Amino acid sequence: MTISSQTWIMFGLMLDILGAISLGIPLIKSEREISNQTKGVVLGVDVGLNRSLKRDRRLGIAGLSLLVVGFIFQLIGQGAFF
């Protein structure tokens, strides 16, 4: 069973969209969420900000990974590797 080129392209585009959304989520935080991040300072360490930065980093890595895999799927669909 082989996967058609249209299927590769479709899956690639879906992964690209998910990757772009994952990259965009940290950029469009609400003002309330940003102001809440600055309220949890304990002994000079902002616990909420650290947690938020870690989440944003994970979302960024996931988004970039999805974009790369999506582009590779599209290239396979276009016949770039075969």
N, C-alpha and C. Protein backbone atom coordinates (compact mmCIF):
# COMPACT_ATOMS: atom_id res chain seq x y z
N MET A 1 0.84 -1.17 0.00
CA MET A 1 0.00 0.00 0.00
C MET A 1 0.89 1.24 0.00
N THR A 2 0.67 2.11 -0.94
CA THR A 2 1.43 3.35 -1.01
C THR A 2 0.52 4.54 -0.72
N ILE A 3 1.13 5.57 -0.23
CA ILE A 3 0.38 6.79 0.06
C ILE A 3 0.50 7.72 -1.14
N SER A 4 -0.62 8.27 -1.59
CA SER A 4 -0.60 9.13 -2.77
C SER A 4 0.08 10.46 -2.45
N SER A 5 0.52 11.13 -3.50
CA SER A 5 1.21 12.40 -3.32
C SER A 5 0.29 13.45 -2.72
N GLN A 6 -0.99 13.41 -3.07
CA GLN A 6 -1.93 14.37 -2.50
C GLN A 6 -2.08 14.18 -0.99
N THR A 7 -2.02 12.94 -0.54
CA THR A 7 -2.13 12.65 0.89
C THR A 7 -0.92 13.20 1.63
N TRP A 8 0.29 12.99 1.07
CA TRP A 8 1.51 13.54 1.68
C TRP A 8 1.40 15.05 1.81
N ILE A 9 0.95 15.70 0.74
CA ILE A 9 0.84 17.16 0.74
C ILE A 9 -0.19 17.62 1.77
N MET A 10 -1.33 16.92 1.84
CA MET A 10 -2.37 17.29 2.79
C MET A 10 -1.88 17.17 4.23
N PHE A 11 -1.22 16.05 4.56
CA PHE A 11 -0.69 15.88 5.91
C PHE A 11 0.38 16.93 6.21
N GLY A 12 1.20 17.24 5.22
CA GLY A 12 2.22 18.27 5.40
C GLY A 12 1.62 19.62 5.70
N LEU A 13 0.57 19.98 4.98
CA LEU A 13 -0.09 21.27 5.22
C LEU A 13 -0.75 21.31 6.60
N MET A 14 -1.35 20.19 7.00
CA MET A 14 -1.98 20.15 8.33
C MET A 14 -0.92 20.32 9.42
N LEU A 15 0.23 19.66 9.26
CA LEU A 15 1.30 19.81 10.26
C LEU A 15 1.84 21.24 10.25
N ASP A 16 1.94 21.85 9.08
CA ASP A 16 2.40 23.24 9.00
C ASP A 16 1.45 24.18 9.74
N ILE A 17 0.16 23.96 9.58
CA ILE A 17 -0.82 24.80 10.26
C ILE A 17 -0.72 24.62 11.78
N LEU A 18 -0.62 23.37 12.23
CA LEU A 18 -0.47 23.12 13.66
C LEU A 18 0.82 23.74 14.20
N GLY A 19 1.89 23.65 13.42
CA GLY A 19 3.16 24.25 13.84
C GLY A 19 3.08 25.75 13.95
N ALA A 20 2.42 26.38 12.98
CA ALA A 20 2.28 27.84 13.02
C ALA A 20 1.43 28.28 14.21
N ILE A 21 0.38 27.53 14.52
CA ILE A 21 -0.45 27.85 15.68
C ILE A 21 0.35 27.69 16.96
N SER A 22 1.15 26.62 17.05
CA SER A 22 1.98 26.39 18.23
C SER A 22 2.99 27.51 18.42
N LEU A 23 3.53 28.03 17.34
CA LEU A 23 4.46 29.15 17.45
C LEU A 23 3.75 30.45 17.79
N GLY A 24 2.52 30.60 17.36
CA GLY A 24 1.80 31.84 17.57
C GLY A 24 1.17 31.99 18.94
N ILE A 25 0.88 30.89 19.61
CA ILE A 25 0.20 30.95 20.91
C ILE A 25 0.97 31.82 21.93
N PRO A 26 2.28 31.63 22.10
CA PRO A 26 2.98 32.48 23.07
C PRO A 26 3.00 33.96 22.66
N LEU A 27 2.86 34.24 21.40
CA LEU A 27 2.94 35.62 20.94
C LEU A 27 1.66 36.41 21.19
N ILE A 28 0.54 35.72 21.34
CA ILE A 28 -0.73 36.43 21.48
C ILE A 28 -1.36 36.19 22.86
N LYS A 29 -0.53 36.17 23.88
CA LYS A 29 -1.05 36.02 25.24
C LYS A 29 -1.91 37.22 25.59
N SER A 30 -2.89 36.97 26.41
CA SER A 30 -3.74 38.06 26.85
C SER A 30 -2.98 38.93 27.86
N GLU A 31 -3.40 40.16 27.97
CA GLU A 31 -2.75 41.08 28.91
C GLU A 31 -2.93 40.60 30.35
N ARG A 32 -4.06 39.96 30.62
CA ARG A 32 -4.30 39.43 31.96
C ARG A 32 -3.28 38.35 32.31
N GLU A 33 -2.99 37.47 31.37
CA GLU A 33 -2.01 36.42 31.63
C GLU A 33 -0.63 37.00 31.85
N ILE A 34 -0.27 38.01 31.09
CA ILE A 34 1.04 38.64 31.25
C ILE A 34 1.13 39.34 32.61
N SER A 35 0.08 40.03 33.04
CA SER A 35 0.12 40.71 34.34
C SER A 35 0.12 39.71 35.48
N ASN A 36 -0.55 38.57 35.30
CA ASN A 36 -0.54 37.53 36.35
C ASN A 36 0.83 36.90 36.51
N GLN A 37 1.62 36.89 35.45
CA GLN A 37 2.95 36.28 35.52
C GLN A 37 3.88 37.06 36.44
N THR A 38 3.64 38.34 36.62
CA THR A 38 4.54 39.17 37.42
C THR A 38 4.15 39.23 38.89
N LYS A 39 3.10 38.50 39.30
CA LYS A 39 2.62 38.58 40.68
C LYS A 39 3.22 37.54 41.61
N GLY A 40 3.87 36.52 41.10
CA GLY A 40 4.31 35.41 41.94
C GLY A 40 5.78 35.42 42.31
N VAL A 41 6.36 36.57 42.61
CA VAL A 41 7.78 36.64 42.94
C VAL A 41 7.99 36.13 44.36
N VAL A 42 8.85 35.10 44.49
CA VAL A 42 9.18 34.53 45.79
C VAL A 42 10.69 34.52 45.93
N LEU A 43 11.20 35.26 46.90
CA LEU A 43 12.64 35.34 47.16
C LEU A 43 13.43 35.69 45.91
N GLY A 44 12.91 36.62 45.13
CA GLY A 44 13.61 37.09 43.93
C GLY A 44 13.43 36.20 42.72
N VAL A 45 12.69 35.11 42.87
CA VAL A 45 12.47 34.19 41.75
C VAL A 45 10.99 34.27 41.35
N ASP A 46 10.74 34.57 40.12
CA ASP A 46 9.36 34.67 39.62
C ASP A 46 8.93 33.30 39.13
N VAL A 47 8.23 32.58 39.99
CA VAL A 47 7.83 31.20 39.71
C VAL A 47 6.91 31.13 38.50
N GLY A 48 5.92 32.01 38.42
CA GLY A 48 4.98 31.99 37.30
C GLY A 48 5.65 32.29 35.98
N LEU A 49 6.60 33.22 35.99
CA LEU A 49 7.30 33.56 34.76
C LEU A 49 8.17 32.40 34.28
N ASN A 50 8.85 31.74 35.23
CA ASN A 50 9.66 30.57 34.85
C ASN A 50 8.81 29.49 34.21
N ARG A 51 7.66 29.22 34.81
CA ARG A 51 6.75 28.21 34.28
C ARG A 51 6.26 28.60 32.89
N SER A 52 5.93 29.86 32.73
CA SER A 52 5.43 30.35 31.45
C SER A 52 6.52 30.28 30.37
N LEU A 53 7.73 30.65 30.74
CA LEU A 53 8.83 30.59 29.77
C LEU A 53 9.12 29.16 29.33
N LYS A 54 9.04 28.22 30.27
CA LYS A 54 9.25 26.82 29.92
C LYS A 54 8.15 26.33 28.97
N ARG A 55 6.91 26.72 29.27
CA ARG A 55 5.80 26.33 28.39
C ARG A 55 5.96 26.93 27.00
N ASP A 56 6.33 28.21 26.95
CA ASP A 56 6.52 28.87 25.67
C ASP A 56 7.65 28.21 24.88
N ARG A 57 8.71 27.81 25.57
CA ARG A 57 9.83 27.15 24.89
C ARG A 57 9.40 25.79 24.33
N ARG A 58 8.64 25.03 25.11
CA ARG A 58 8.15 23.74 24.63
C ARG A 58 7.24 23.91 23.42
N LEU A 59 6.35 24.91 23.48
CA LEU A 59 5.48 25.18 22.34
C LEU A 59 6.28 25.60 21.11
N GLY A 60 7.32 26.39 21.32
CA GLY A 60 8.16 26.81 20.20
C GLY A 60 8.89 25.65 19.56
N ILE A 61 9.46 24.78 20.38
CA ILE A 61 10.16 23.60 19.85
C ILE A 61 9.18 22.69 19.11
N ALA A 62 8.01 22.47 19.70
CA ALA A 62 7.00 21.63 19.05
C ALA A 62 6.55 22.25 17.73
N GLY A 63 6.34 23.57 17.73
CA GLY A 63 5.91 24.25 16.51
C GLY A 63 6.94 24.15 15.40
N LEU A 64 8.19 24.40 15.74
CA LEU A 64 9.25 24.29 14.72
C LEU A 64 9.37 22.86 14.20
N SER A 65 9.26 21.90 15.10
CA SER A 65 9.34 20.49 14.68
C SER A 65 8.20 20.14 13.73
N LEU A 66 7.00 20.58 14.06
CA LEU A 66 5.85 20.31 13.19
C LEU A 66 6.03 20.97 11.82
N LEU A 67 6.55 22.19 11.81
CA LEU A 67 6.79 22.86 10.53
C LEU A 67 7.79 22.10 9.67
N VAL A 68 8.88 21.67 10.28
CA VAL A 68 9.91 20.94 9.53
C VAL A 68 9.35 19.64 8.97
N VAL A 69 8.67 18.87 9.81
CA VAL A 69 8.10 17.60 9.35
C VAL A 69 7.04 17.86 8.27
N GLY A 70 6.25 18.90 8.45
CA GLY A 70 5.24 19.24 7.45
C GLY A 70 5.86 19.58 6.10
N PHE A 71 6.95 20.36 6.12
CA PHE A 71 7.63 20.69 4.87
C PHE A 71 8.23 19.45 4.22
N ILE A 72 8.77 18.55 5.03
CA ILE A 72 9.33 17.31 4.48
C ILE A 72 8.22 16.49 3.84
N PHE A 73 7.06 16.39 4.50
CA PHE A 73 5.94 15.66 3.91
C PHE A 73 5.52 16.27 2.58
N GLN A 74 5.50 17.59 2.51
CA GLN A 74 5.13 18.24 1.25
C GLN A 74 6.15 17.96 0.16
N LEU A 75 7.43 17.95 0.52
CA LEU A 75 8.47 17.63 -0.46
C LEU A 75 8.33 16.19 -0.96
N ILE A 76 8.00 15.29 -0.05
CA ILE A 76 7.77 13.90 -0.47
C ILE A 76 6.60 13.85 -1.43
N GLY A 77 5.53 14.60 -1.12
CA GLY A 77 4.37 14.63 -1.99
C GLY A 77 4.67 15.20 -3.36
N GLN A 78 5.61 16.14 -3.44
CA GLN A 78 6.00 16.72 -4.70
C GLN A 78 6.99 15.86 -5.47
N GLY A 79 7.48 14.81 -4.83
CA GLY A 79 8.42 13.91 -5.49
C GLY A 79 9.86 14.39 -5.43
N ALA A 80 10.21 15.19 -4.45
CA ALA A 80 11.56 15.74 -4.35
C ALA A 80 12.58 14.70 -3.93
N PHE A 81 12.16 13.64 -3.26
CA PHE A 81 13.11 12.64 -2.76
C PHE A 81 13.14 11.36 -3.59
N PHE A 82 12.23 11.23 -4.53
CA PHE A 82 12.16 9.98 -5.32
C PHE A 82 12.31 10.28 -6.77
